[in-house]
Amino acid sequence: MYFGLSEDQIFFQDNVKKFLEDNADLDIIRKISDGDKSSLKKDIHKGIVNLGINNILIPEENGGLGLDLLFAAAISQSLGGAVAPIPFCGSYVMAPIAIKLGGNVDQTTKILNEMSVGNIKFGIGFSDYFGSRNSSKINFSGQVVNGNTLFVIDTDHATHLLVSDANGVLGMVPLDHETISCIDLITVDKTRTYKEIKFENTPIEILEGTIKSTNAIEKSIDAGRITLAADSLGASQTMLDMAVSYSKERKQFNRVIGSFQAVKHMCAEMASELEPCYSLVWHAAHSFDNSEDDAKLMACHAKSHVSEISKEISKKATEVHGGMGFTDLLGTHYWFKRIGLNRQLLGAPEIVRAEAAKIQGF
């Protein structure tokens, strides 16, 4: 039995990959990461949205494509492979899932319809639920929210925020409201933006289905973890490909370094460690929509395992490049840093493994 991506999933994946190759090469990524204020990032996002990735998980009755998480994972691989400087995991994966499962009938219909035509785009702030700090806490009181939340993702191009308190209750807030303060957080990953958001008596619309159940935020986080794992998977494959290509060109002692046994072993180890991660991520994405009993456990396994493997691959791939691997000239550091931050987002491996242990009764 063969388990892999379908022709349609590969079609989406290849279209995204081709678009990014043509419109977001390393020079453009470098400019954006260095703070380019032109329309480069906006143009890339517009082009990607024109391919339909914003509607992947929105039901057909709401104007979307009605596809499953395996499609989103396939696309995320391409985005990670190109270190695409656009929102995806939060805006187009976590948000529609949370709205579908957490809103009442009127909320779900209205919000998803607006999302499908691009009138509403979400940034996601769920850190209070799974990993809040004492200095970072938000409180819902009636129809207002106060406090601050860290590492809000996908605020680029966002019109609204979807935020959670420590109990998993979700609410949506207009990002441009006068009582909201946004602070840019400086991270190693310059390909995406992360913010701290402060609220002061900010009006909030609570998703009614999340008041008594954490199902919406749990499923949304599971989907986000699988998507981040797929992003790291794509980034790892690019780093491996770059290392192999470099080892075939770089010469030492009148021989290409790829002919040396030590370098061969490093590349072979990376390939053998990465290959099983594909089936793990794909199976996790498939389980999300088709196997309720396995869905959360597989999401935890995919996120924690791929985080560890991609970390090792990013390290070894950099070492294959020698001193050049640390320079801006080759740009390997963009993938290295993206993998590093993916590892921490939505729970570091030790946090996610602790959840997996609880699921299994340990």
Protein backbone atom coordinates (compact mmCIF):
# COMPACT_ATOMS: atom_id res chain seq x y z
CA MET A 1 0.00 0.00 0.00
CA TYR A 2 1.32 3.43 -0.95
CA PHE A 3 0.62 6.35 1.34
CA GLY A 4 1.56 9.73 0.00
CA LEU A 5 0.20 12.94 -1.43
CA SER A 6 -2.52 12.82 -4.06
CA GLU A 7 -2.16 14.37 -7.52
CA ASP A 8 -4.28 17.34 -6.42
CA GLN A 9 -2.17 17.90 -3.32
CA ILE A 10 1.04 17.72 -5.34
CA PHE A 11 -0.51 20.14 -7.86
CA PHE A 12 -1.16 22.72 -5.12
CA GLN A 13 2.28 22.14 -3.65
CA ASP A 14 4.06 22.55 -6.99
CA ASN A 15 2.12 25.69 -7.88
CA VAL A 16 3.13 27.34 -4.61
CA LYS A 17 6.73 26.21 -5.05
CA LYS A 18 6.91 27.52 -8.61
CA PHE A 19 5.40 30.87 -7.64
CA LEU A 20 7.90 31.33 -4.81
CA GLU A 21 10.84 30.35 -7.03
CA ASP A 22 9.79 33.08 -9.47
CA ASN A 23 8.78 35.77 -7.00
CA ALA A 24 10.57 35.16 -3.69
CA ASP A 25 14.15 34.15 -4.39
CA LEU A 26 16.96 34.54 -1.87
CA ASP A 27 17.70 38.15 -2.82
CA ILE A 28 14.09 39.12 -2.13
CA ILE A 29 14.04 37.17 1.15
CA ARG A 30 17.22 39.00 2.13
CA LYS A 31 15.68 42.40 1.37
CA ILE A 32 12.51 41.64 3.31
CA SER A 33 14.49 40.29 6.26
CA ASP A 34 16.60 43.44 6.26
CA GLY A 35 13.46 45.55 6.67
CA ASP A 36 12.63 46.50 3.09
CA LYS A 37 9.60 48.82 3.27
CA SER A 38 8.53 48.39 -0.36
CA SER A 39 5.60 46.30 -1.52
CA LEU A 40 7.67 43.11 -1.91
CA LYS A 41 6.06 41.25 0.98
CA LYS A 42 2.59 42.48 0.05
CA ASP A 43 3.03 41.37 -3.56
CA ILE A 44 4.18 37.89 -2.54
CA HIS A 45 1.22 37.51 -0.20
CA LYS A 46 -1.21 38.71 -2.87
CA GLY A 47 0.18 36.23 -5.38
CA ILE A 48 -0.04 33.33 -2.95
CA VAL A 49 -3.62 34.23 -2.03
CA ASN A 50 -4.47 34.29 -5.74
CA LEU A 51 -3.48 30.61 -5.77
CA GLY A 52 -6.27 29.96 -3.24
CA ILE A 53 -4.34 29.02 -0.12
CA ASN A 54 -6.47 31.32 2.05
CA ASN A 55 -9.54 29.21 1.27
CA ILE A 56 -8.08 25.72 1.66
CA LEU A 57 -9.90 24.91 4.92
CA ILE A 58 -12.98 27.10 4.53
CA PRO A 59 -16.08 25.01 3.66
CA GLU A 60 -17.53 25.25 0.16
CA GLU A 61 -20.84 26.59 1.48
CA ASN A 62 -18.91 29.59 2.83
CA GLY A 63 -17.09 30.26 -0.42
CA GLY A 64 -13.98 28.18 0.30
CA LEU A 65 -12.44 25.07 -1.23
CA GLY A 66 -13.48 22.69 1.56
CA LEU A 67 -10.23 20.72 1.51
CA ASP A 68 -8.53 18.92 4.39
CA LEU A 69 -5.43 19.46 6.50
CA LEU A 70 -3.27 17.23 4.30
CA PHE A 71 -3.62 19.86 1.56
CA ALA A 72 -2.53 22.53 4.04
CA ALA A 73 0.44 20.42 5.14
CA ALA A 74 1.52 19.91 1.53
CA ILE A 75 1.40 23.68 0.93
CA SER A 76 3.24 24.38 4.18
CA GLN A 77 6.13 22.18 3.00
CA SER A 78 6.56 24.44 -0.02
CA LEU A 79 6.34 27.58 2.11
CA GLY A 80 9.00 26.28 4.50
CA GLY A 81 11.20 25.14 1.65
CA ALA A 82 11.28 28.70 0.31
CA VAL A 83 11.23 30.43 3.74
CA ALA A 84 8.22 32.31 2.39
CA PRO A 85 7.71 35.63 4.23
CA ILE A 86 3.93 35.31 4.44
CA PRO A 87 1.30 34.31 7.03
CA PHE A 88 -0.17 30.83 6.72
CA CYS A 89 -0.26 28.64 9.83
CA GLY A 90 -2.31 31.06 11.92
CA SER A 91 -4.33 32.99 9.36
CA TYR A 92 -5.29 30.21 6.98
CA VAL A 93 -5.10 27.02 9.06
CA MET A 94 -5.68 27.65 12.75
CA ALA A 95 -8.21 30.48 12.36
CA PRO A 96 -10.77 28.77 10.08
CA ILE A 97 -10.66 25.60 12.20
CA ALA A 98 -11.22 27.57 15.40
CA ILE A 99 -14.10 29.51 13.85
CA LYS A 100 -15.76 26.39 12.43
CA LEU A 101 -15.63 24.57 15.76
CA GLY A 102 -15.96 27.46 18.19
CA GLY A 103 -18.56 29.83 16.80
CA ASN A 104 -22.31 29.58 16.95
CA VAL A 105 -24.20 29.18 13.68
CA ASP A 106 -24.46 32.91 12.99
CA GLN A 107 -20.83 33.62 13.94
CA THR A 108 -19.47 30.74 11.89
CA THR A 109 -21.44 31.63 8.77
CA LYS A 110 -20.71 35.35 8.93
CA ILE A 111 -17.01 35.11 9.74
CA LEU A 112 -16.15 32.30 7.32
CA ASN A 113 -18.00 34.09 4.51
CA GLU A 114 -15.95 37.22 5.19
CA MET A 115 -12.73 35.22 5.40
CA SER A 116 -13.35 33.54 2.06
CA VAL A 117 -13.42 36.89 0.23
CA GLY A 118 -10.49 38.31 2.17
CA ASN A 119 -12.41 40.86 4.25
CA ILE A 120 -11.29 39.23 7.50
CA LYS A 121 -7.77 37.92 8.09
CA PHE A 122 -6.67 36.74 11.52
CA GLY A 123 -3.55 36.97 13.61
CA ILE A 124 -3.44 34.27 16.30
CA GLY A 125 -2.62 34.72 20.00
CA PHE A 126 -3.08 31.42 21.83
CA SER A 127 0.01 31.42 24.04
CA ASP A 128 -2.00 32.09 27.22
CA TYR A 129 -3.65 28.69 26.82
CA PHE A 130 -0.62 26.43 26.50
CA GLY A 131 2.37 28.40 27.71
CA SER A 132 1.64 31.77 29.31
CA ARG A 133 4.13 33.64 31.46
CA ASN A 134 3.39 35.45 34.70
CA SER A 135 4.12 38.74 32.99
CA SER A 136 1.78 37.92 30.10
CA LYS A 137 -1.87 37.30 30.81
CA ILE A 138 -5.17 38.36 29.30
CA ASN A 139 -8.58 38.38 30.95
CA PHE A 140 -12.02 38.33 29.40
CA SER A 141 -14.69 40.14 31.38
CA GLY A 142 -18.07 40.27 29.72
CA GLN A 143 -17.44 41.69 26.27
CA VAL A 144 -14.06 43.33 26.95
CA VAL A 145 -10.49 42.03 27.19
CA ASN A 146 -7.55 43.38 29.21
CA GLY A 147 -3.91 42.39 29.57
CA ASN A 148 -1.25 41.36 27.10
CA THR A 149 -0.30 38.26 25.15
CA LEU A 150 3.06 37.33 23.64
CA PHE A 151 4.14 35.79 20.33
CA VAL A 152 1.04 36.59 18.37
CA ILE A 153 1.63 35.14 14.90
CA ASP A 154 0.52 36.10 11.40
CA THR A 155 -0.36 39.73 12.12
CA ASP A 156 0.95 40.76 8.70
CA HIS A 157 -2.06 41.71 6.56
CA ALA A 158 -4.39 40.81 9.48
CA THR A 159 -7.59 42.76 10.11
CA HIS A 160 -8.53 40.95 13.32
CA LEU A 161 -6.97 38.99 16.17
CA LEU A 162 -8.20 35.66 17.48
CA VAL A 163 -7.05 35.38 21.09
CA SER A 164 -7.45 32.90 23.91
CA ASP A 165 -7.42 33.16 27.67
CA ALA A 166 -5.93 30.51 29.96
CA ASN A 167 -9.19 28.52 29.90
CA GLY A 168 -9.31 28.21 26.13
CA VAL A 169 -12.15 30.67 25.58
CA LEU A 170 -11.68 32.37 22.21
CA GLY A 171 -12.59 35.86 21.11
CA MET A 172 -12.05 38.06 18.08
CA VAL A 173 -10.92 41.69 18.15
CA PRO A 174 -10.42 44.24 15.35
CA LEU A 175 -6.68 44.78 15.10
CA ASP A 176 -7.03 48.50 14.39
CA HIS A 177 -9.04 49.27 17.54
CA GLU A 178 -7.72 52.31 19.38
CA THR A 179 -7.35 50.43 22.69
CA ILE A 180 -4.88 47.91 21.22
CA SER A 181 -1.11 48.39 21.33
CA CYS A 182 1.18 46.28 19.12
CA ILE A 183 4.86 45.77 19.94
CA ASP A 184 7.20 44.10 17.45
CA LEU A 185 9.11 41.20 19.00
CA ILE A 186 12.66 40.68 17.77
CA THR A 187 13.37 37.02 17.05
CA VAL A 188 16.03 35.11 15.13
CA ASP A 189 13.53 34.48 12.32
CA LYS A 190 13.34 37.57 10.13
CA THR A 191 11.12 35.97 7.48
CA ARG A 192 7.96 36.37 9.59
CA THR A 193 6.71 38.82 12.22
CA TYR A 194 5.77 38.21 15.84
CA LYS A 195 4.12 40.69 18.18
CA GLU A 196 3.15 41.35 21.74
CA ILE A 197 -0.40 42.69 21.89
CA LYS A 198 -1.71 44.79 24.78
CA PHE A 199 -5.43 45.29 25.43
CA GLU A 200 -7.07 47.96 27.56
CA ASN A 201 -10.83 47.53 27.91
CA THR A 202 -10.93 46.37 24.30
CA PRO A 203 -14.32 45.19 22.97
CA ILE A 204 -14.21 41.49 22.08
CA GLU A 205 -16.65 39.10 20.43
CA ILE A 206 -16.54 35.77 22.26
CA LEU A 207 -16.97 32.59 20.23
CA GLU A 208 -19.89 31.07 22.08
CA GLY A 209 -18.95 27.46 21.50
CA THR A 210 -15.65 27.92 23.36
CA ILE A 211 -17.20 29.00 26.67
CA LYS A 212 -17.91 25.44 27.81
CA SER A 213 -15.58 23.41 25.57
CA THR A 214 -11.91 23.55 24.65
CA ASN A 215 -12.41 21.46 21.52
CA ALA A 216 -12.01 24.42 19.16
CA ILE A 217 -8.68 25.63 20.51
CA GLU A 218 -7.34 22.10 20.98
CA LYS A 219 -8.08 21.17 17.38
CA SER A 220 -6.76 24.50 16.15
CA ILE A 221 -3.47 24.02 18.01
CA ASP A 222 -3.17 20.43 16.74
CA ALA A 223 -3.58 21.68 13.17
CA GLY A 224 -1.07 24.45 13.78
CA ARG A 225 1.51 22.03 15.13
CA ILE A 226 1.17 19.76 12.12
CA THR A 227 1.45 22.75 9.79
CA LEU A 228 4.59 24.00 11.54
CA ALA A 229 6.07 20.49 11.35
CA ALA A 230 5.42 20.50 7.60
CA ASP A 231 7.04 23.93 7.32
CA SER A 232 10.15 22.65 9.11
CA LEU A 233 10.10 19.56 6.93
CA GLY A 234 10.24 21.69 3.78
CA ALA A 235 12.95 23.91 5.25
CA SER A 236 15.01 20.86 6.24
CA GLN A 237 14.78 19.39 2.74
CA THR A 238 16.04 22.66 1.27
CA MET A 239 18.98 22.73 3.69
CA LEU A 240 19.82 19.12 2.84
CA ASP A 241 19.63 19.87 -0.89
CA MET A 242 21.86 22.93 -0.45
CA ALA A 243 24.41 20.90 1.52
CA VAL A 244 24.55 18.12 -1.08
CA SER A 245 24.85 20.61 -3.93
CA TYR A 246 27.62 22.51 -2.16
CA SER A 247 29.51 19.29 -1.39
CA LYS A 248 29.58 18.49 -5.11
CA GLU A 249 31.15 21.85 -5.99
CA ARG A 250 33.43 22.86 -3.13
CA LYS A 251 36.97 21.52 -3.48
CA GLN A 252 39.66 20.76 -0.92
CA PHE A 253 42.98 19.10 -1.73
CA ASN A 254 41.94 19.02 -5.40
CA ARG A 255 38.83 16.94 -4.62
CA VAL A 256 35.21 17.92 -4.15
CA ILE A 257 34.40 17.63 -0.46
CA GLY A 258 31.48 15.33 -1.25
CA SER A 259 34.02 12.64 -2.09
CA PHE A 260 35.26 12.55 1.51
CA GLN A 261 33.71 9.83 3.62
CA ALA A 262 32.95 12.10 6.56
CA VAL A 263 30.91 14.48 4.39
CA LYS A 264 29.18 11.55 2.65
CA HIS A 265 28.14 10.20 6.05
CA MET A 266 26.77 13.56 7.17
CA CYS A 267 24.63 13.89 4.06
CA ALA A 268 23.47 10.27 4.24
CA GLU A 269 22.53 10.67 7.91
CA MET A 270 20.49 13.78 7.14
CA ALA A 271 18.64 12.04 4.31
CA SER A 272 17.90 8.91 6.37
CA GLU A 273 16.66 10.96 9.33
CA LEU A 274 14.45 13.20 7.20
CA GLU A 275 12.78 10.59 4.98
CA PRO A 276 10.52 9.03 7.70
CA CYS A 277 9.38 12.52 8.71
CA TYR A 278 7.38 12.81 5.49
CA SER A 279 5.12 9.88 6.29
CA LEU A 280 4.86 11.02 9.91
CA VAL A 281 3.64 14.51 8.97
CA TRP A 282 1.33 13.22 6.24
CA HIS A 283 -0.15 10.60 8.55
CA ALA A 284 -0.67 13.21 11.28
CA ALA A 285 -2.47 15.49 8.80
CA HIS A 286 -4.58 12.58 7.53
CA SER A 287 -5.47 11.52 11.08
CA PHE A 288 -6.59 15.04 11.93
CA ASP A 289 -9.58 14.73 9.60
CA ASN A 290 -10.09 10.97 9.54
CA SER A 291 -9.12 9.44 12.90
CA GLU A 292 -10.35 11.30 15.96
CA ASP A 293 -8.75 8.78 18.32
CA ASP A 294 -5.26 9.29 16.88
CA ALA A 295 -5.44 12.94 15.82
CA LYS A 296 -4.02 14.71 18.86
CA LEU A 297 -1.35 12.11 19.60
CA MET A 298 -0.12 12.15 16.02
CA ALA A 299 -0.03 15.96 16.01
CA CYS A 300 2.15 15.87 19.14
CA HIS A 301 4.45 13.23 17.65
CA ALA A 302 4.82 15.11 14.36
CA LYS A 303 5.59 18.46 15.98
CA SER A 304 8.05 17.14 18.59
CA HIS A 305 9.89 14.64 16.36
CA VAL A 306 10.23 16.87 13.31
CA SER A 307 11.37 19.73 15.56
CA GLU A 308 14.26 17.60 16.82
CA ILE A 309 15.20 16.11 13.45
CA SER A 310 15.06 19.45 11.62
CA LYS A 311 17.25 21.00 14.30
CA GLU A 312 19.92 18.36 13.70
CA ILE A 313 19.65 18.68 9.93
CA SER A 314 19.99 22.47 10.07
CA LYS A 315 23.12 22.02 12.19
CA LYS A 316 24.73 19.37 9.97
CA ALA A 317 23.83 21.14 6.74
CA THR A 318 25.51 24.28 8.03
CA GLU A 319 28.59 22.27 9.00
CA VAL A 320 28.84 20.79 5.49
CA HIS A 321 29.16 24.36 4.22
CA GLY A 322 32.01 25.00 6.66
CA GLY A 323 32.62 28.65 7.49
CA MET A 324 30.54 29.72 4.48
CA GLY A 325 27.47 28.27 6.17
CA PHE A 326 27.46 31.11 8.69
CA THR A 327 27.70 33.91 6.16
CA ASP A 328 24.90 35.94 4.64
CA LEU A 329 26.22 35.19 1.17
CA LEU A 330 24.73 31.69 0.99
CA GLY A 331 21.70 32.55 3.12
CA THR A 332 21.45 29.15 4.85
CA HIS A 333 20.85 30.98 8.11
CA TYR A 334 17.32 31.95 7.02
CA TRP A 335 16.28 28.30 6.98
CA PHE A 336 18.33 27.53 10.10
CA LYS A 337 16.60 30.27 12.08
CA ARG A 338 13.14 29.48 10.75
CA ILE A 339 13.52 25.87 11.84
CA GLY A 340 14.71 27.07 15.24
CA LEU A 341 11.67 29.24 15.87
CA ASN A 342 9.23 26.67 14.45
CA ARG A 343 10.60 24.36 17.12
CA GLN A 344 9.37 26.70 19.86
CA LEU A 345 6.10 27.94 18.40
CA LEU A 346 2.93 26.30 19.80
CA GLY A 347 5.04 24.36 22.28
CA ALA A 348 8.65 23.21 22.41
CA PRO A 349 9.29 19.45 22.03
CA GLU A 350 9.41 18.83 25.80
CA ILE A 351 6.00 20.51 26.26
CA VAL A 352 4.43 18.65 23.36
CA ARG A 353 5.90 15.30 24.48
CA ALA A 354 4.43 15.85 27.95
CA GLU A 355 1.02 16.23 26.31
CA ALA A 356 1.58 13.05 24.30
CA ALA A 357 2.50 11.22 27.51
CA LYS A 358 -0.76 12.31 29.18
CA ILE A 359 -2.77 11.13 26.18
CA GLN A 360 -1.19 7.69 26.54
CA GLY A 361 -1.80 7.57 30.29
CA PHE A 362 1.77 8.05 31.48
